[in-house]
Amino acid sequence: MYTAPKRYTEDEINQCLPLSVARWHEHVNFRLAPFGTPQSEVDHSKFGFNGSIATKEACDAAGGHVIPLVFNCMVQSIPVRPRQSLGPRTCVLPPPKKPLDNS
């Protein structure tokens, strides 16, 4: 999985891993069950990325919480060596070069 900082433009993301090669995306409006709910008691039919709760108001009414953006812009990739876990990576571009002083 690669993530890109929120401040990156589409062109900067394209430099990290070309848009033509991988599908970059964002996970938005993640609905969490009420804080303190044991994982075994969470109603996954309502909460989570695939839950039925679709609005912040409905989530609030159910006692849950909404996270507007999870992980910024990201892409999942299959590593060359499937048995070797590479873990998440953050895309980091080199600093921009200073423009030449033409004065």
N, C-alpha and C. Protein backbone atom coordinates (compact mmCIF):
# COMPACT_ATOMS: atom_id res chain seq x y z
N MET A 1 0.85 -1.16 0.00
CA MET A 1 0.00 0.00 0.00
C MET A 1 0.90 1.23 0.00
N TYR A 2 0.61 2.16 -0.86
CA TYR A 2 1.30 3.44 -0.89
C TYR A 2 0.31 4.53 -0.52
N THR A 3 0.76 5.51 0.24
CA THR A 3 -0.08 6.67 0.54
C THR A 3 0.67 7.92 0.10
N ALA A 4 -0.08 8.94 -0.23
CA ALA A 4 0.51 10.23 -0.62
C ALA A 4 0.00 11.29 0.34
N PRO A 5 0.85 12.24 0.71
CA PRO A 5 0.40 13.33 1.58
C PRO A 5 -0.79 14.08 0.98
N LYS A 6 -1.63 14.58 1.83
CA LYS A 6 -2.85 15.28 1.41
C LYS A 6 -2.54 16.47 0.49
N ARG A 7 -1.38 17.09 0.67
CA ARG A 7 -1.04 18.29 -0.09
C ARG A 7 -0.61 17.99 -1.52
N TYR A 8 -0.36 16.72 -1.87
CA TYR A 8 0.13 16.38 -3.20
C TYR A 8 -0.93 16.63 -4.27
N THR A 9 -0.48 17.16 -5.38
CA THR A 9 -1.36 17.35 -6.54
C THR A 9 -1.41 16.04 -7.33
N GLU A 10 -2.30 15.99 -8.31
CA GLU A 10 -2.40 14.80 -9.15
C GLU A 10 -1.08 14.54 -9.88
N ASP A 11 -0.40 15.60 -10.32
CA ASP A 11 0.89 15.44 -11.00
C ASP A 11 1.95 14.85 -10.07
N GLU A 12 1.96 15.28 -8.81
CA GLU A 12 2.93 14.74 -7.85
C GLU A 12 2.62 13.27 -7.54
N ILE A 13 1.36 12.93 -7.42
CA ILE A 13 0.98 11.53 -7.20
C ILE A 13 1.42 10.69 -8.39
N ASN A 14 1.24 11.23 -9.58
CA ASN A 14 1.63 10.52 -10.80
C ASN A 14 3.13 10.23 -10.82
N GLN A 15 3.95 11.11 -10.21
CA GLN A 15 5.39 10.88 -10.15
C GLN A 15 5.74 9.74 -9.19
N CYS A 16 4.92 9.54 -8.18
CA CYS A 16 5.18 8.47 -7.20
C CYS A 16 4.92 7.10 -7.81
N LEU A 17 3.76 6.94 -8.37
CA LEU A 17 3.35 5.70 -9.02
C LEU A 17 2.35 6.14 -10.08
N PRO A 18 2.70 5.98 -11.35
CA PRO A 18 1.88 6.55 -12.43
C PRO A 18 0.41 6.18 -12.36
N LEU A 19 -0.43 7.16 -12.61
CA LEU A 19 -1.88 6.96 -12.61
C LEU A 19 -2.30 5.94 -13.66
N SER A 20 -1.49 5.77 -14.69
CA SER A 20 -1.81 4.81 -15.75
C SER A 20 -1.52 3.37 -15.31
N VAL A 21 -0.76 3.21 -14.23
CA VAL A 21 -0.37 1.88 -13.76
C VAL A 21 -1.23 1.41 -12.59
N ALA A 22 -1.61 2.32 -11.73
CA ALA A 22 -2.34 1.96 -10.52
C ALA A 22 -3.51 2.91 -10.30
N ARG A 23 -4.51 2.42 -9.61
CA ARG A 23 -5.70 3.23 -9.33
C ARG A 23 -5.59 3.84 -7.94
N TRP A 24 -5.23 5.10 -7.90
CA TRP A 24 -5.18 5.84 -6.64
C TRP A 24 -6.61 6.16 -6.22
N HIS A 25 -6.86 6.15 -4.92
CA HIS A 25 -8.21 6.43 -4.44
C HIS A 25 -8.16 6.91 -2.98
N GLU A 26 -9.28 7.37 -2.49
CA GLU A 26 -9.41 7.80 -1.10
C GLU A 26 -10.55 7.02 -0.45
N HIS A 27 -10.39 6.73 0.83
CA HIS A 27 -11.47 6.15 1.62
C HIS A 27 -12.09 7.31 2.39
N VAL A 28 -13.33 7.61 2.12
CA VAL A 28 -13.98 8.77 2.72
C VAL A 28 -15.21 8.35 3.53
N ASN A 29 -15.55 9.20 4.50
CA ASN A 29 -16.74 9.03 5.33
C ASN A 29 -16.81 7.66 5.99
N PHE A 30 -15.72 7.28 6.66
CA PHE A 30 -15.67 6.01 7.40
C PHE A 30 -16.52 6.16 8.65
N ARG A 31 -17.45 5.25 8.84
CA ARG A 31 -18.37 5.31 9.98
C ARG A 31 -17.91 4.35 11.06
N LEU A 32 -17.53 4.90 12.22
CA LEU A 32 -17.08 4.11 13.36
C LEU A 32 -18.22 3.85 14.32
N ALA A 33 -18.22 2.67 14.93
CA ALA A 33 -19.19 2.36 15.98
C ALA A 33 -18.88 3.25 17.19
N PRO A 34 -19.81 3.37 18.14
CA PRO A 34 -19.55 4.18 19.33
C PRO A 34 -18.24 3.78 20.01
N PHE A 35 -17.48 4.78 20.47
CA PHE A 35 -16.22 4.51 21.15
C PHE A 35 -16.45 3.58 22.33
N GLY A 36 -15.53 2.66 22.51
CA GLY A 36 -15.62 1.73 23.62
C GLY A 36 -16.39 0.46 23.31
N THR A 37 -17.01 0.38 22.13
CA THR A 37 -17.74 -0.83 21.77
C THR A 37 -16.73 -1.93 21.46
N PRO A 38 -16.80 -3.08 22.16
CA PRO A 38 -15.89 -4.17 21.83
C PRO A 38 -16.06 -4.60 20.38
N GLN A 39 -14.97 -4.95 19.72
CA GLN A 39 -15.01 -5.33 18.31
C GLN A 39 -16.02 -6.45 18.07
N SER A 40 -16.14 -7.36 19.01
CA SER A 40 -17.07 -8.49 18.85
C SER A 40 -18.53 -8.05 18.89
N GLU A 41 -18.78 -6.83 19.38
CA GLU A 41 -20.16 -6.35 19.50
C GLU A 41 -20.52 -5.28 18.46
N VAL A 42 -19.57 -4.92 17.61
CA VAL A 42 -19.84 -3.90 16.58
C VAL A 42 -20.79 -4.49 15.53
N ASP A 43 -21.82 -3.72 15.20
CA ASP A 43 -22.75 -4.14 14.15
C ASP A 43 -22.16 -3.75 12.80
N HIS A 44 -21.45 -4.68 12.17
CA HIS A 44 -20.76 -4.39 10.91
C HIS A 44 -21.73 -4.20 9.76
N SER A 45 -22.99 -4.54 9.94
CA SER A 45 -23.96 -4.25 8.88
C SER A 45 -24.28 -2.76 8.84
N LYS A 46 -24.00 -2.05 9.95
CA LYS A 46 -24.26 -0.60 10.01
C LYS A 46 -22.98 0.22 9.89
N PHE A 47 -21.91 -0.19 10.57
CA PHE A 47 -20.68 0.60 10.65
C PHE A 47 -19.58 0.05 9.76
N GLY A 48 -18.59 0.89 9.44
CA GLY A 48 -17.47 0.48 8.60
C GLY A 48 -17.68 0.94 7.16
N PHE A 49 -16.71 0.59 6.31
CA PHE A 49 -16.77 1.01 4.91
C PHE A 49 -17.99 0.45 4.19
N ASN A 50 -18.42 -0.74 4.56
CA ASN A 50 -19.55 -1.38 3.88
C ASN A 50 -20.85 -1.31 4.67
N GLY A 51 -20.87 -0.52 5.73
CA GLY A 51 -22.06 -0.43 6.57
C GLY A 51 -23.20 0.30 5.88
N SER A 52 -24.40 0.09 6.40
CA SER A 52 -25.60 0.68 5.79
C SER A 52 -25.79 2.15 6.16
N ILE A 53 -25.11 2.63 7.20
CA ILE A 53 -25.24 4.04 7.58
C ILE A 53 -24.57 4.88 6.52
N ALA A 54 -25.32 5.80 5.93
CA ALA A 54 -24.81 6.56 4.78
C ALA A 54 -24.55 8.03 5.07
N THR A 55 -25.09 8.56 6.16
CA THR A 55 -24.92 10.00 6.42
C THR A 55 -24.35 10.23 7.81
N LYS A 56 -23.75 11.40 8.01
CA LYS A 56 -23.23 11.77 9.32
C LYS A 56 -24.36 11.83 10.34
N GLU A 57 -25.51 12.33 9.91
CA GLU A 57 -26.65 12.44 10.82
C GLU A 57 -27.10 11.07 11.32
N ALA A 58 -27.17 10.09 10.41
CA ALA A 58 -27.56 8.74 10.80
C ALA A 58 -26.51 8.11 11.72
N CYS A 59 -25.25 8.38 11.44
CA CYS A 59 -24.17 7.85 12.27
C CYS A 59 -24.24 8.47 13.67
N ASP A 60 -24.45 9.78 13.73
CA ASP A 60 -24.59 10.46 15.02
C ASP A 60 -25.77 9.89 15.81
N ALA A 61 -26.89 9.65 15.13
CA ALA A 61 -28.08 9.12 15.78
C ALA A 61 -27.84 7.72 16.34
N ALA A 62 -26.94 6.96 15.70
CA ALA A 62 -26.62 5.60 16.16
C ALA A 62 -25.50 5.62 17.19
N GLY A 63 -25.02 6.83 17.55
CA GLY A 63 -23.97 6.97 18.55
C GLY A 63 -22.57 6.79 17.99
N GLY A 64 -22.45 6.71 16.67
CA GLY A 64 -21.15 6.50 16.03
C GLY A 64 -20.42 7.79 15.73
N HIS A 65 -19.32 7.66 15.01
CA HIS A 65 -18.48 8.78 14.65
C HIS A 65 -18.03 8.63 13.20
N VAL A 66 -17.91 9.75 12.49
CA VAL A 66 -17.49 9.73 11.09
C VAL A 66 -16.07 10.27 10.99
N ILE A 67 -15.22 9.54 10.27
CA ILE A 67 -13.88 10.03 9.93
C ILE A 67 -13.96 10.43 8.45
N PRO A 68 -13.84 11.74 8.14
CA PRO A 68 -14.05 12.20 6.77
C PRO A 68 -13.07 11.60 5.75
N LEU A 69 -11.80 11.41 6.13
CA LEU A 69 -10.80 10.91 5.19
C LEU A 69 -9.83 9.99 5.93
N VAL A 70 -9.68 8.77 5.44
CA VAL A 70 -8.79 7.78 6.05
C VAL A 70 -7.61 7.55 5.11
N PHE A 71 -6.39 7.69 5.60
CA PHE A 71 -5.15 7.39 4.86
C PHE A 71 -4.83 8.33 3.70
N ASN A 72 -5.51 9.43 3.52
CA ASN A 72 -5.27 10.31 2.37
C ASN A 72 -5.43 9.53 1.07
N CYS A 73 -4.73 9.95 0.03
CA CYS A 73 -4.81 9.27 -1.26
C CYS A 73 -3.92 8.03 -1.18
N MET A 74 -4.42 6.89 -1.66
CA MET A 74 -3.66 5.66 -1.51
C MET A 74 -3.86 4.72 -2.69
N VAL A 75 -2.98 3.73 -2.76
CA VAL A 75 -3.08 2.68 -3.77
C VAL A 75 -2.59 1.39 -3.12
N GLN A 76 -3.27 0.29 -3.42
CA GLN A 76 -2.80 -1.01 -2.96
C GLN A 76 -2.04 -1.65 -4.12
N SER A 77 -0.97 -2.32 -3.79
CA SER A 77 -0.18 -2.99 -4.82
C SER A 77 0.17 -4.39 -4.35
N ILE A 78 0.44 -5.27 -5.30
CA ILE A 78 0.86 -6.63 -4.98
C ILE A 78 2.38 -6.66 -5.06
N PRO A 79 3.05 -7.00 -3.95
CA PRO A 79 4.52 -6.99 -3.98
C PRO A 79 5.05 -8.08 -4.91
N VAL A 80 6.28 -7.89 -5.36
CA VAL A 80 6.93 -8.85 -6.24
C VAL A 80 7.09 -10.19 -5.53
N ARG A 81 7.41 -10.14 -4.26
CA ARG A 81 7.55 -11.35 -3.46
C ARG A 81 6.37 -11.43 -2.50
N PRO A 82 5.30 -12.15 -2.85
CA PRO A 82 4.07 -12.17 -2.04
C PRO A 82 4.28 -12.59 -0.59
N ARG A 83 5.27 -13.40 -0.31
CA ARG A 83 5.46 -13.86 1.07
C ARG A 83 6.24 -12.87 1.92
N GLN A 84 6.76 -11.85 1.30
CA GLN A 84 7.53 -10.85 2.01
C GLN A 84 6.64 -9.63 2.23
N SER A 85 6.38 -9.31 3.49
CA SER A 85 5.55 -8.15 3.79
C SER A 85 6.41 -6.89 3.75
N LEU A 86 6.08 -6.00 2.84
CA LEU A 86 6.82 -4.74 2.73
C LEU A 86 6.23 -3.66 3.61
N GLY A 87 4.99 -3.84 4.06
CA GLY A 87 4.34 -2.85 4.90
C GLY A 87 3.95 -1.62 4.11
N PRO A 88 3.23 -0.69 4.74
CA PRO A 88 2.80 0.53 4.05
C PRO A 88 3.99 1.42 3.71
N ARG A 89 3.88 2.14 2.62
CA ARG A 89 4.91 3.07 2.18
C ARG A 89 4.26 4.43 1.96
N THR A 90 5.01 5.48 2.27
CA THR A 90 4.53 6.83 1.99
C THR A 90 5.34 7.38 0.83
N CYS A 91 4.64 7.93 -0.12
CA CYS A 91 5.27 8.50 -1.30
C CYS A 91 5.93 9.83 -0.91
N VAL A 92 7.22 9.95 -1.15
CA VAL A 92 7.94 11.19 -0.82
C VAL A 92 8.72 11.62 -2.05
N LEU A 93 8.43 12.82 -2.51
CA LEU A 93 9.14 13.38 -3.65
C LEU A 93 10.33 14.18 -3.19
N PRO A 94 11.39 14.27 -4.01
CA PRO A 94 12.51 15.12 -3.63
C PRO A 94 12.07 16.58 -3.63
N PRO A 95 12.75 17.43 -2.85
CA PRO A 95 12.37 18.84 -2.83
C PRO A 95 12.52 19.46 -4.22
N PRO A 96 11.68 20.44 -4.53
CA PRO A 96 11.78 21.07 -5.86
C PRO A 96 13.12 21.79 -6.01
N LYS A 97 13.63 21.79 -7.23
CA LYS A 97 14.88 22.48 -7.50
C LYS A 97 14.63 23.98 -7.51
N LYS A 98 15.61 24.73 -7.02
CA LYS A 98 15.48 26.19 -7.01
C LYS A 98 15.57 26.70 -8.43
N PRO A 99 14.71 27.65 -8.80
CA PRO A 99 14.81 28.22 -10.14
C PRO A 99 16.12 29.00 -10.28
N LEU A 100 16.64 29.04 -11.48
CA LEU A 100 17.88 29.80 -11.73
C LEU A 100 17.61 31.29 -11.58
N ASP A 101 18.56 31.95 -10.98
CA ASP A 101 18.45 33.40 -10.81
C ASP A 101 18.98 34.05 -12.09
N ASN A 102 18.11 34.61 -12.89
CA ASN A 102 18.48 35.22 -14.17
C ASN A 102 18.74 36.72 -14.06
N SER A 103 18.93 37.21 -12.87
CA SER A 103 19.13 38.67 -12.75
C SER A 103 20.56 39.06 -12.99
